[in-house]
Protein backbone atom coordinates (compact mmCIF):
# COMPACT_ATOMS: atom_id res chain seq x y z
CA MET A 1 154.91 -118.46 -75.07
CA ASN A 2 151.64 -119.99 -73.94
CA LEU A 3 148.67 -118.75 -75.90
CA ALA A 4 144.88 -118.94 -75.47
CA ASP A 5 142.97 -120.63 -78.25
CA THR A 6 142.53 -118.22 -81.18
CA MET A 7 139.38 -119.86 -82.59
CA GLN A 8 137.00 -117.73 -80.55
CA LYS A 9 135.82 -114.18 -80.03
CA PHE A 10 138.69 -111.67 -79.46
CA GLN A 11 137.25 -110.58 -76.09
CA ASP A 12 137.27 -114.12 -74.85
CA TRP A 13 140.81 -114.68 -76.15
CA PHE A 14 142.05 -111.44 -74.56
CA THR A 15 140.70 -112.19 -71.05
CA GLN A 16 142.05 -115.74 -71.25
CA GLN A 17 145.49 -114.49 -72.34
CA TRP A 18 145.44 -112.19 -69.25
CA VAL A 19 144.75 -115.22 -67.10
CA ILE A 20 147.72 -117.06 -68.65
CA ILE A 21 150.07 -114.11 -68.25
CA CYS A 22 149.00 -113.15 -64.66
CA GLY A 23 147.98 -116.60 -63.42
CA ARG A 24 149.60 -119.98 -62.94
CA LYS A 25 149.66 -123.28 -64.77
CA ILE A 26 148.01 -126.00 -62.70
CA ASN A 27 147.68 -129.74 -62.78
CA PRO A 28 143.99 -130.64 -62.49
CA SER A 29 144.72 -134.01 -60.79
CA GLU A 30 146.65 -132.19 -58.06
CA ASN A 31 144.00 -129.49 -57.57
CA THR A 32 140.79 -131.42 -57.53
CA TRP A 33 139.40 -129.03 -54.89
CA LEU A 34 139.44 -126.32 -57.53
CA PHE A 35 139.06 -127.99 -60.92
CA GLY A 36 135.61 -128.04 -62.56
CA THR A 37 133.89 -128.38 -65.86
CA PHE A 38 134.74 -125.96 -68.69
CA GLY A 39 132.30 -124.49 -71.21
CA GLU A 40 132.52 -124.69 -74.97
CA VAL A 41 133.01 -121.76 -77.39
CA SER A 42 129.73 -122.47 -79.07
CA GLY A 43 127.42 -121.54 -76.12
CA ILE A 44 126.93 -121.45 -72.41
CA GLY A 45 123.62 -120.73 -70.59
CA GLU A 46 121.23 -123.62 -70.85
CA LYS A 47 123.03 -124.97 -73.93
CA PHE A 48 125.97 -125.90 -71.76
CA ILE A 49 123.84 -128.42 -69.86
CA HIS A 50 123.00 -130.39 -72.99
CA GLN A 51 126.61 -130.20 -74.18
CA LEU A 52 127.91 -131.62 -70.89
CA ALA A 53 125.35 -134.37 -70.80
CA GLU A 54 126.19 -135.43 -74.37
CA LYS A 55 129.88 -135.26 -73.80
CA GLU A 56 129.83 -137.45 -70.69
CA ASP A 57 126.86 -139.60 -71.66
CA LEU A 58 124.71 -138.46 -68.84
CA THR A 59 120.85 -138.31 -68.34
CA ILE A 60 119.34 -134.90 -67.72
CA ILE A 61 116.79 -134.91 -64.83
CA ARG A 62 114.58 -131.83 -64.74
CA LYS A 63 111.47 -130.67 -62.93
CA SER A 64 111.93 -133.17 -60.13
CA ASN A 65 110.55 -132.36 -56.69
CA SER A 66 112.54 -131.76 -53.42
CA LYS A 67 115.95 -131.43 -55.03
CA GLY A 68 118.48 -129.28 -53.24
CA LEU A 69 121.77 -127.66 -53.77
CA LEU A 70 123.00 -129.89 -50.94
CA ASP A 71 121.98 -133.40 -50.22
CA SER A 72 122.28 -132.44 -46.56
CA ILE A 73 123.28 -129.35 -44.68
CA LEU A 74 125.76 -131.63 -42.82
CA SER A 75 127.87 -131.67 -45.89
CA LEU A 76 129.07 -128.16 -44.95
CA ASN A 77 130.91 -129.76 -41.98
CA LEU A 78 129.67 -127.01 -39.64
CA SER A 79 129.87 -127.77 -35.88
CA GLU A 80 126.97 -129.45 -34.20
CA ASN A 81 126.40 -126.17 -32.26
CA GLU A 82 126.24 -124.16 -35.53
CA ILE A 83 123.84 -126.62 -37.12
CA LYS A 84 121.49 -126.29 -34.10
CA LYS A 85 121.51 -122.41 -34.52
CA LEU A 86 120.41 -122.47 -38.15
CA PRO A 87 116.70 -121.72 -38.74
CA LYS A 88 114.77 -124.64 -40.14
CA ASN A 89 113.78 -122.77 -43.26
CA VAL A 90 117.41 -121.91 -44.10
CA ILE A 91 118.26 -125.63 -43.89
CA ASP A 92 115.12 -126.52 -45.87
CA PHE A 93 116.07 -124.09 -48.66
CA TYR A 94 119.48 -125.67 -49.26
CA GLU A 95 118.10 -129.27 -49.09
CA LYS A 96 114.90 -128.59 -51.10
CA THR A 97 115.87 -125.67 -53.35
CA SER A 98 113.66 -126.78 -56.16
CA GLU A 99 110.53 -126.11 -54.07
CA TYR A 100 111.23 -122.39 -53.77
CA LYS A 101 110.45 -119.34 -55.94
CA LEU A 102 112.84 -116.42 -55.98
CA GLN A 103 112.39 -112.61 -56.11
CA LEU A 104 115.34 -110.36 -56.80
CA ASN A 105 116.20 -106.67 -56.13
CA VAL A 106 119.48 -105.21 -57.37
CA LYS A 107 121.31 -102.05 -56.24
CA TRP A 108 124.55 -100.93 -57.86
CA ASN A 109 127.31 -98.69 -56.66
CA PRO A 110 127.18 -95.91 -59.35
CA ILE A 111 130.99 -96.08 -59.61
CA PHE A 112 130.87 -99.70 -60.96
CA LYS A 113 127.76 -99.44 -63.02
CA ILE A 114 129.66 -98.92 -66.22
CA PHE A 115 131.75 -102.06 -65.39
CA GLY A 116 128.52 -104.10 -65.24
CA TYR A 117 127.33 -102.57 -68.52
CA VAL A 118 130.59 -103.39 -70.32
CA VAL A 119 130.56 -107.02 -69.04
CA ASN A 120 126.97 -107.43 -70.24
CA ARG A 121 127.69 -106.04 -73.73
CA LEU A 122 130.89 -107.90 -74.30
CA PHE A 123 130.18 -111.18 -72.67
CA SER A 124 126.92 -111.92 -70.82
CA GLN A 125 124.36 -111.28 -73.58
CA ARG A 126 126.39 -113.24 -76.08
CA ILE A 127 127.09 -116.35 -74.01
CA ASN A 128 123.76 -116.17 -72.08
CA GLN A 129 125.45 -116.37 -68.65
CA LEU A 130 125.74 -113.87 -65.83
CA ASN A 131 123.12 -111.52 -67.23
CA ILE A 132 123.23 -109.27 -64.21
CA PRO A 133 120.96 -106.20 -64.55
CA THR A 134 122.92 -102.93 -64.81
CA ASN A 135 119.94 -100.88 -63.72
CA ASN A 136 118.77 -100.87 -60.08
CA ILE A 137 115.67 -103.09 -59.48
CA GLN A 138 113.63 -101.42 -56.83
CA SER A 139 110.48 -103.65 -57.24
CA SER A 140 111.10 -107.32 -57.02
CA GLU A 141 111.90 -109.15 -60.21
CA ASN A 142 110.64 -112.79 -60.35
CA LEU A 143 113.16 -115.45 -61.21
CA THR A 144 112.59 -118.96 -62.43
CA SER A 145 114.71 -121.34 -60.38
CA GLU A 146 115.37 -124.92 -61.41
CA ILE A 147 117.67 -127.68 -59.94
CA ILE A 148 118.88 -129.90 -62.79
CA GLU A 149 120.70 -133.11 -62.16
CA LEU A 150 123.02 -134.94 -64.58
CA VAL A 151 122.97 -138.60 -63.79
CA ALA A 152 125.10 -141.57 -64.84
CA LYS A 153 122.98 -143.84 -67.01
CA ASN A 154 124.22 -147.15 -65.55
CA THR A 155 124.37 -146.30 -61.86
CA ASN A 156 121.91 -143.33 -61.43
CA GLU A 157 124.63 -141.55 -59.60
CA VAL A 158 124.27 -137.76 -59.62
CA LYS A 159 127.42 -136.39 -61.30
CA TYR A 160 126.37 -132.69 -61.42
CA THR A 161 123.90 -130.55 -59.71
CA ILE A 162 123.09 -127.46 -61.68
CA TRP A 163 121.15 -124.41 -60.45
CA LEU A 164 119.60 -122.56 -63.45
CA ARG A 165 118.16 -119.18 -62.74
CA LYS A 166 116.41 -116.99 -65.30
CA PHE A 167 114.47 -113.75 -65.41
CA GLN A 168 110.85 -114.75 -65.68
CA SER A 169 110.02 -111.71 -67.81
CA THR A 170 112.71 -112.27 -70.48
CA GLY A 171 114.04 -115.75 -70.14
CA LYS A 172 117.60 -114.51 -69.94
CA VAL A 173 119.94 -116.58 -67.82
CA ILE A 174 121.27 -114.79 -64.78
CA TYR A 175 123.20 -117.86 -63.41
CA SER A 176 123.82 -121.32 -64.92
CA GLY A 177 126.18 -122.97 -62.41
CA ILE A 178 127.31 -126.29 -61.12
CA TYR A 179 127.14 -126.45 -57.24
CA THR A 180 129.02 -128.81 -54.99
CA THR A 181 131.31 -128.76 -51.97
CA CYS A 182 135.10 -128.95 -51.88
CA LEU A 183 137.85 -129.48 -49.33
CA LEU A 184 140.52 -126.77 -49.47
CA PRO A 185 144.14 -127.70 -48.94
CA SER A 186 143.79 -126.27 -45.46
CA GLY A 187 141.16 -128.80 -44.67
CA ILE A 188 138.23 -126.37 -44.66
CA THR A 189 134.95 -127.49 -46.33
CA CYS A 190 133.48 -124.85 -48.63
CA VAL A 191 130.71 -124.43 -51.16
CA LYS A 192 131.94 -124.35 -54.74
CA ALA A 193 129.97 -122.72 -57.57
CA ILE A 194 131.30 -123.24 -61.14
CA PHE A 195 130.03 -120.90 -63.87
CA PRO A 196 131.08 -122.24 -67.29
CA LEU A 197 132.72 -119.79 -69.73
CA PRO A 198 134.10 -120.36 -73.19
CA LYS A 199 137.16 -122.65 -72.81
CA GLY A 200 137.03 -122.28 -69.07
CA ASN A 201 135.05 -121.23 -66.04
CA ALA A 202 134.68 -118.79 -63.25
CA THR A 203 134.75 -120.60 -59.95
CA VAL A 204 133.64 -119.12 -56.62
CA ILE A 205 134.57 -120.89 -53.43
CA LEU A 206 132.74 -119.75 -50.34
CA LYS A 207 133.55 -120.62 -46.68
CA PRO A 208 130.43 -121.34 -44.56
CA SER A 209 129.82 -120.14 -41.04
CA VAL A 210 126.91 -119.18 -38.78
CA GLY A 211 126.62 -115.61 -37.60
CA GLU A 212 125.60 -114.00 -34.33
CA LYS A 213 121.94 -113.76 -35.48
CA ASN A 214 121.90 -117.40 -36.53
CA GLU A 215 122.22 -116.54 -40.24
CA LEU A 216 124.12 -118.76 -42.68
CA ILE A 217 127.11 -116.86 -44.07
CA LEU A 218 128.94 -117.88 -47.23
CA ASP A 219 132.08 -115.76 -47.72
CA SER A 220 134.63 -115.96 -50.56
CA SER A 221 137.16 -113.69 -48.78
CA GLY A 222 140.67 -115.07 -48.84
CA ASN A 223 144.31 -114.14 -49.14
CA LYS A 224 146.01 -116.48 -51.54
CA PHE A 225 145.69 -119.28 -54.00
CA GLY A 226 144.24 -122.28 -52.09
CA ASP A 227 141.89 -120.13 -50.02
CA ALA A 228 138.22 -119.40 -50.47
CA GLY A 229 137.82 -116.85 -53.28
CA PHE A 230 137.19 -116.13 -56.92
CA TYR A 231 139.08 -118.09 -59.55
CA PHE A 232 139.30 -118.05 -63.37
CA LEU A 233 140.29 -121.35 -64.95
CA LEU A 234 140.91 -122.09 -68.66
CA ASN A 235 142.57 -124.42 -71.13
CA ASP A 236 145.08 -122.85 -73.46
CA SER A 237 145.63 -123.75 -77.17
CA LYS A 238 147.79 -126.77 -76.18
CA GLY A 239 145.35 -128.11 -73.56
CA ASN A 240 147.32 -126.80 -70.54
CA CYS A 241 145.18 -125.66 -67.59
CA TRP A 242 145.70 -122.26 -66.09
CA SER A 243 144.13 -120.38 -63.13
CA LYS A 244 144.12 -116.87 -61.72
CA TYR A 245 143.10 -116.13 -58.14
CA ILE A 246 141.31 -112.76 -57.87
CA LYS A 247 141.98 -111.62 -54.31
CA SER A 248 140.47 -108.20 -54.84
CA PHE A 249 137.05 -109.46 -55.78
CA THR A 250 134.79 -110.95 -53.05
CA ASP A 251 131.32 -112.40 -52.79
CA LYS A 252 129.51 -112.66 -49.45
CA LEU A 253 126.03 -114.23 -49.15
CA ILE A 254 123.94 -114.02 -45.93
CA VAL A 255 120.90 -116.23 -45.76
CA SER A 256 118.57 -115.56 -42.81
CA ASP A 257 115.03 -115.86 -41.40
CA GLU A 258 113.60 -112.39 -40.92
CA ASN A 259 110.22 -112.49 -39.21
CA GLU A 260 109.49 -115.88 -40.80
CA LYS A 261 110.51 -114.57 -44.23
CA LEU A 262 113.48 -116.32 -45.88
CA LYS A 263 115.88 -113.75 -47.36
CA ALA A 264 119.35 -113.63 -48.78
CA ARG A 265 121.70 -110.68 -49.24
CA GLN A 266 124.56 -111.04 -51.63
CA THR A 267 127.27 -108.38 -51.71
CA LEU A 268 129.95 -108.12 -54.37
CA LYS A 269 133.03 -105.99 -53.54
CA LEU A 270 136.10 -105.00 -55.52
CA TRP A 271 139.17 -103.60 -53.68
CA HIS A 272 136.93 -103.55 -50.56
CA LEU A 273 134.43 -101.23 -52.38
CA LYS A 274 130.86 -102.43 -52.78
CA VAL A 275 130.08 -103.14 -56.42
CA ALA A 276 126.54 -104.27 -56.13
CA ARG A 277 124.07 -105.73 -53.73
CA PHE A 278 121.49 -108.43 -54.63
CA GLU A 279 118.59 -109.09 -52.29
CA TYR A 280 116.49 -112.22 -52.60
CA GLU A 281 113.30 -113.44 -51.06
CA MET A 282 112.59 -117.13 -51.30
CA LYS A 283 109.10 -118.48 -51.02
CA LYS A 284 107.69 -121.99 -51.22
């Protein structure tokens, strides 16, 4: 029987064992579209950035101007017509993310509020990752937003682009993720966000499109392994890689220009029921 590494917290071991039992063993070299960096048991959050840089002998570049989640909006492989429809400030945000400040509002579905509380208590507060508020935030909460690049020392090639977001009031990490694009087996280009976890990661793959109101839509809805969607990945005690595709959980982000205000609405759903909605306003 394949087992998760026992040298870690029980709740981490238990969730990893569930992935092994319910998921599939994968070969990273045959699934490069999905595979991404794993976290260490000793810490995630901001600590993960330093661990990864040390492990791969990379230089950490912080507080640099005009750094974006994407080098160019063209990397999404949208059609020429779709690119023309996108508002300039939406494109600018993705190409110059570091120049923007973020404000956040959160609204939970009461049914799932206890789920958020349990995740926070068992995982988020301890590993300093995914510290999503369990109380509704009616007035905007300011976030610090930083694009961090990990660069090869000899070539200056950017190996990883990390988007680190914290609550300005507490310093708690809401998201510490590696952002890139990937090409699905179907040939569709998607945005890939990798959130390191102990001995593994949570990876969200989002398919881009442009809506009827010229908004950028990033949608993780899919039907099967190999589609856009939410994936857990991990290494077991023998170093084998496992993955579980969570079809029932979806993440949809809509980024739009509303009367010259740049806003984003992120909706999380489980079994087609809304779990929570995050509303962001981005300002230069």
